[in-house]
Amino acid sequence: MEKLKQQFLEVSDALELGNPAIIEKDYWVVALLSELAKVSPVNHQMVFSGGTALAKSNVKILRMSEDVDIKLIPHQEFGE
Protein backbone atom coordinates (compact mmCIF):
# COMPACT_ATOMS: atom_id res chain seq x y z
CA MET A 1 0.00 0.00 0.00
CA GLU A 2 2.90 2.36 0.71
CA LYS A 3 4.14 1.84 -2.85
CA LEU A 4 0.72 2.87 -4.19
CA LYS A 5 0.65 5.96 -1.96
CA GLN A 6 4.08 6.94 -3.27
CA GLN A 7 2.89 6.47 -6.86
CA PHE A 8 -0.19 8.61 -6.18
CA LEU A 9 2.08 11.35 -4.84
CA GLU A 10 4.44 11.13 -7.83
CA VAL A 11 1.60 11.32 -10.35
CA SER A 12 -0.01 14.20 -8.47
CA ASP A 13 3.31 16.06 -8.48
CA ALA A 14 3.89 15.34 -12.19
CA LEU A 15 0.43 16.69 -13.05
CA GLU A 16 0.83 19.60 -10.61
CA LEU A 17 -2.44 18.74 -8.88
CA GLY A 18 -1.23 19.44 -5.38
CA ASN A 19 -3.42 16.72 -3.90
CA PRO A 20 -2.57 13.02 -4.29
CA ALA A 21 -6.05 12.12 -2.96
CA ILE A 22 -7.45 13.04 -6.40
CA ILE A 23 -5.21 10.44 -8.05
CA GLU A 24 -5.94 7.86 -5.35
CA LYS A 25 -9.70 8.29 -5.71
CA ASP A 26 -9.45 7.96 -9.49
CA TYR A 27 -7.38 4.79 -9.11
CA TRP A 28 -9.94 3.15 -6.81
CA VAL A 29 -12.92 4.28 -8.92
CA VAL A 30 -11.37 2.66 -12.00
CA ALA A 31 -10.56 -0.49 -9.98
CA LEU A 32 -14.17 -0.68 -8.73
CA LEU A 33 -15.64 -0.12 -12.19
CA SER A 34 -13.32 -2.76 -13.65
CA GLU A 35 -14.60 -5.30 -11.12
CA LEU A 36 -18.24 -4.31 -11.63
CA ALA A 37 -17.82 -4.69 -15.39
CA LYS A 38 -17.19 -8.41 -14.78
CA VAL A 39 -20.60 -8.81 -13.12
CA SER A 40 -23.66 -9.61 -15.23
CA PRO A 41 -26.78 -9.13 -13.12
CA VAL A 42 -29.64 -11.25 -14.44
CA ASN A 43 -32.53 -9.03 -13.38
CA HIS A 44 -30.96 -5.58 -13.41
CA GLN A 45 -28.78 -3.24 -15.42
CA MET A 46 -26.01 -1.40 -13.55
CA VAL A 47 -25.62 2.27 -14.41
CA PHE A 48 -22.69 4.43 -13.29
CA SER A 49 -24.13 7.87 -12.49
CA GLY A 50 -23.58 11.03 -10.49
CA GLY A 51 -20.73 13.50 -10.24
CA THR A 52 -17.95 10.92 -10.48
CA ALA A 53 -19.50 9.52 -13.67
CA LEU A 54 -19.62 13.03 -15.13
CA ALA A 55 -15.99 13.64 -14.19
CA LYS A 56 -14.90 10.32 -15.74
CA SER A 57 -16.72 11.22 -18.96
CA ASN A 58 -14.73 14.48 -19.21
CA VAL A 59 -17.64 16.74 -18.30
CA LYS A 60 -16.22 19.74 -16.48
CA ILE A 61 -17.59 19.90 -12.95
CA LEU A 62 -16.67 22.49 -10.33
CA ARG A 63 -16.33 20.13 -7.41
CA MET A 64 -14.83 16.75 -6.67
CA SER A 65 -17.54 14.18 -6.09
CA GLU A 66 -16.86 12.12 -2.97
CA ASP A 67 -18.87 9.02 -3.80
CA VAL A 68 -19.48 6.54 -6.58
CA ASP A 69 -23.12 6.21 -7.61
CA ILE A 70 -24.20 2.89 -9.08
CA LYS A 71 -27.88 2.55 -9.89
CA LEU A 72 -29.64 -0.75 -10.46
CA ILE A 73 -32.38 -0.56 -13.05
CA PRO A 74 -34.65 -3.61 -13.10
CA HIS A 75 -35.25 -5.23 -16.47
CA GLN A 76 -38.87 -4.85 -17.54
CA GLU A 77 -39.59 -8.58 -17.22
CA PHE A 78 -38.26 -8.55 -13.62
CA GLY A 79 -41.41 -6.83 -12.38
CA GLU A 80 -43.78 -9.19 -14.17
C-alpha atoms as a PDB file:
ATOM      1  CA  MET A   1       0.000   0.000   0.000  1.00  0.00           C
ATOM      2  CA  GLU A   2       2.901   2.364   0.714  1.00  0.00           C
ATOM      3  CA  LYS A   3       4.143   1.843  -2.850  1.00  0.00           C
ATOM      4  CA  LEU A   4       0.725   2.874  -4.186  1.00  0.00           C
ATOM      5  CA  LYS A   5       0.645   5.957  -1.956  1.00  0.00           C
ATOM      6  CA  GLN A   6       4.076   6.941  -3.273  1.00  0.00           C
ATOM      7  CA  GLN A   7       2.894   6.472  -6.856  1.00  0.00           C
ATOM      8  CA  PHE A   8      -0.189   8.614  -6.183  1.00  0.00           C
ATOM      9  CA  LEU A   9       2.083  11.347  -4.836  1.00  0.00           C
ATOM     10  CA  GLU A  10       4.440  11.126  -7.825  1.00  0.00           C
ATOM     11  CA  VAL A  11       1.597  11.317 -10.346  1.00  0.00           C
ATOM     12  CA  SER A  12      -0.009  14.198  -8.466  1.00  0.00           C
ATOM     13  CA  ASP A  13       3.312  16.062  -8.483  1.00  0.00           C
ATOM     14  CA  ALA A  14       3.891  15.338 -12.191  1.00  0.00           C
ATOM     15  CA  LEU A  15       0.425  16.686 -13.049  1.00  0.00           C
ATOM     16  CA  GLU A  16       0.830  19.596 -10.609  1.00  0.00           C
ATOM     17  CA  LEU A  17      -2.445  18.735  -8.883  1.00  0.00           C
ATOM     18  CA  GLY A  18      -1.232  19.439  -5.377  1.00  0.00           C
ATOM     19  CA  ASN A  19      -3.422  16.722  -3.897  1.00  0.00           C
ATOM     20  CA  PRO A  20      -2.574  13.016  -4.289  1.00  0.00           C
ATOM     21  CA  ALA A  21      -6.051  12.125  -2.964  1.00  0.00           C
ATOM     22  CA  ILE A  22      -7.445  13.038  -6.399  1.00  0.00           C
ATOM     23  CA  ILE A  23      -5.209  10.440  -8.054  1.00  0.00           C
ATOM     24  CA  GLU A  24      -5.941   7.864  -5.351  1.00  0.00           C
ATOM     25  CA  LYS A  25      -9.699   8.290  -5.712  1.00  0.00           C
ATOM     26  CA  ASP A  26      -9.454   7.963  -9.486  1.00  0.00           C
ATOM     27  CA  TYR A  27      -7.380   4.794  -9.109  1.00  0.00           C
ATOM     28  CA  TRP A  28      -9.937   3.154  -6.809  1.00  0.00           C
ATOM     29  CA  VAL A  29     -12.919   4.278  -8.920  1.00  0.00           C
ATOM     30  CA  VAL A  30     -11.370   2.658 -11.997  1.00  0.00           C
ATOM     31  CA  ALA A  31     -10.557  -0.495  -9.984  1.00  0.00           C
ATOM     32  CA  LEU A  32     -14.165  -0.679  -8.731  1.00  0.00           C
ATOM     33  CA  LEU A  33     -15.643  -0.124 -12.189  1.00  0.00           C
ATOM     34  CA  SER A  34     -13.321  -2.764 -13.646  1.00  0.00           C
ATOM     35  CA  GLU A  35     -14.600  -5.298 -11.119  1.00  0.00           C
ATOM     36  CA  LEU A  36     -18.243  -4.308 -11.628  1.00  0.00           C
ATOM     37  CA  ALA A  37     -17.820  -4.694 -15.393  1.00  0.00           C
ATOM     38  CA  LYS A  38     -17.190  -8.408 -14.777  1.00  0.00           C
ATOM     39  CA  VAL A  39     -20.598  -8.814 -13.115  1.00  0.00           C
ATOM     40  CA  SER A  40     -23.659  -9.610 -15.226  1.00  0.00           C
ATOM     41  CA  PRO A  41     -26.779  -9.133 -13.121  1.00  0.00           C
ATOM     42  CA  VAL A  42     -29.640 -11.246 -14.443  1.00  0.00           C
ATOM     43  CA  ASN A  43     -32.533  -9.034 -13.380  1.00  0.00           C
ATOM     44  CA  HIS A  44     -30.964  -5.576 -13.409  1.00  0.00           C
ATOM     45  CA  GLN A  45     -28.778  -3.242 -15.423  1.00  0.00           C
ATOM     46  CA  MET A  46     -26.015  -1.404 -13.545  1.00  0.00           C
ATOM     47  CA  VAL A  47     -25.616   2.267 -14.407  1.00  0.00           C
ATOM     48  CA  PHE A  48     -22.689   4.432 -13.294  1.00  0.00           C
ATOM     49  CA  SER A  49     -24.129   7.870 -12.492  1.00  0.00           C
ATOM     50  CA  GLY A  50     -23.583  11.027 -10.493  1.00  0.00           C
ATOM     51  CA  GLY A  51     -20.729  13.497 -10.237  1.00  0.00           C
ATOM     52  CA  THR A  52     -17.953  10.923 -10.484  1.00  0.00           C
ATOM     53  CA  ALA A  53     -19.501   9.519 -13.674  1.00  0.00           C
ATOM     54  CA  LEU A  54     -19.617  13.030 -15.134  1.00  0.00           C
ATOM     55  CA  ALA A  55     -15.990  13.643 -14.192  1.00  0.00           C
ATOM     56  CA  LYS A  56     -14.898  10.320 -15.738  1.00  0.00           C
ATOM     57  CA  SER A  57     -16.724  11.224 -18.960  1.00  0.00           C
ATOM     58  CA  ASN A  58     -14.734  14.482 -19.214  1.00  0.00           C
ATOM     59  CA  VAL A  59     -17.645  16.741 -18.302  1.00  0.00           C
ATOM     60  CA  LYS A  60     -16.219  19.743 -16.481  1.00  0.00           C
ATOM     61  CA  ILE A  61     -17.587  19.897 -12.948  1.00  0.00           C
ATOM     62  CA  LEU A  62     -16.666  22.491 -10.334  1.00  0.00           C
ATOM     63  CA  ARG A  63     -16.327  20.127  -7.412  1.00  0.00           C
ATOM     64  CA  MET A  64     -14.831  16.753  -6.666  1.00  0.00           C
ATOM     65  CA  SER A  65     -17.535  14.180  -6.093  1.00  0.00           C
ATOM     66  CA  GLU A  66     -16.862  12.120  -2.970  1.00  0.00           C
ATOM     67  CA  ASP A  67     -18.871   9.016  -3.796  1.00  0.00           C
ATOM     68  CA  VAL A  68     -19.481   6.537  -6.579  1.00  0.00           C
ATOM     69  CA  ASP A  69     -23.117   6.212  -7.615  1.00  0.00           C
ATOM     70  CA  ILE A  70     -24.199   2.887  -9.083  1.00  0.00           C
ATOM     71  CA  LYS A  71     -27.885   2.551  -9.886  1.00  0.00           C
ATOM     72  CA  LEU A  72     -29.639  -0.755 -10.456  1.00  0.00           C
ATOM     73  CA  ILE A  73     -32.378  -0.561 -13.048  1.00  0.00           C
ATOM     74  CA  PRO A  74     -34.651  -3.613 -13.102  1.00  0.00           C
ATOM     75  CA  HIS A  75     -35.248  -5.234 -16.470  1.00  0.00           C
ATOM     76  CA  GLN A  76     -38.872  -4.850 -17.537  1.00  0.00           C
ATOM     77  CA  GLU A  77     -39.589  -8.580 -17.218  1.00  0.00           C
ATOM     78  CA  PHE A  78     -38.261  -8.547 -13.620  1.00  0.00           C
ATOM     79  CA  GLY A  79     -41.414  -6.831 -12.378  1.00  0.00           C
ATOM     80  CA  GLU A  80     -43.781  -9.186 -14.174  1.00  0.00           C
END
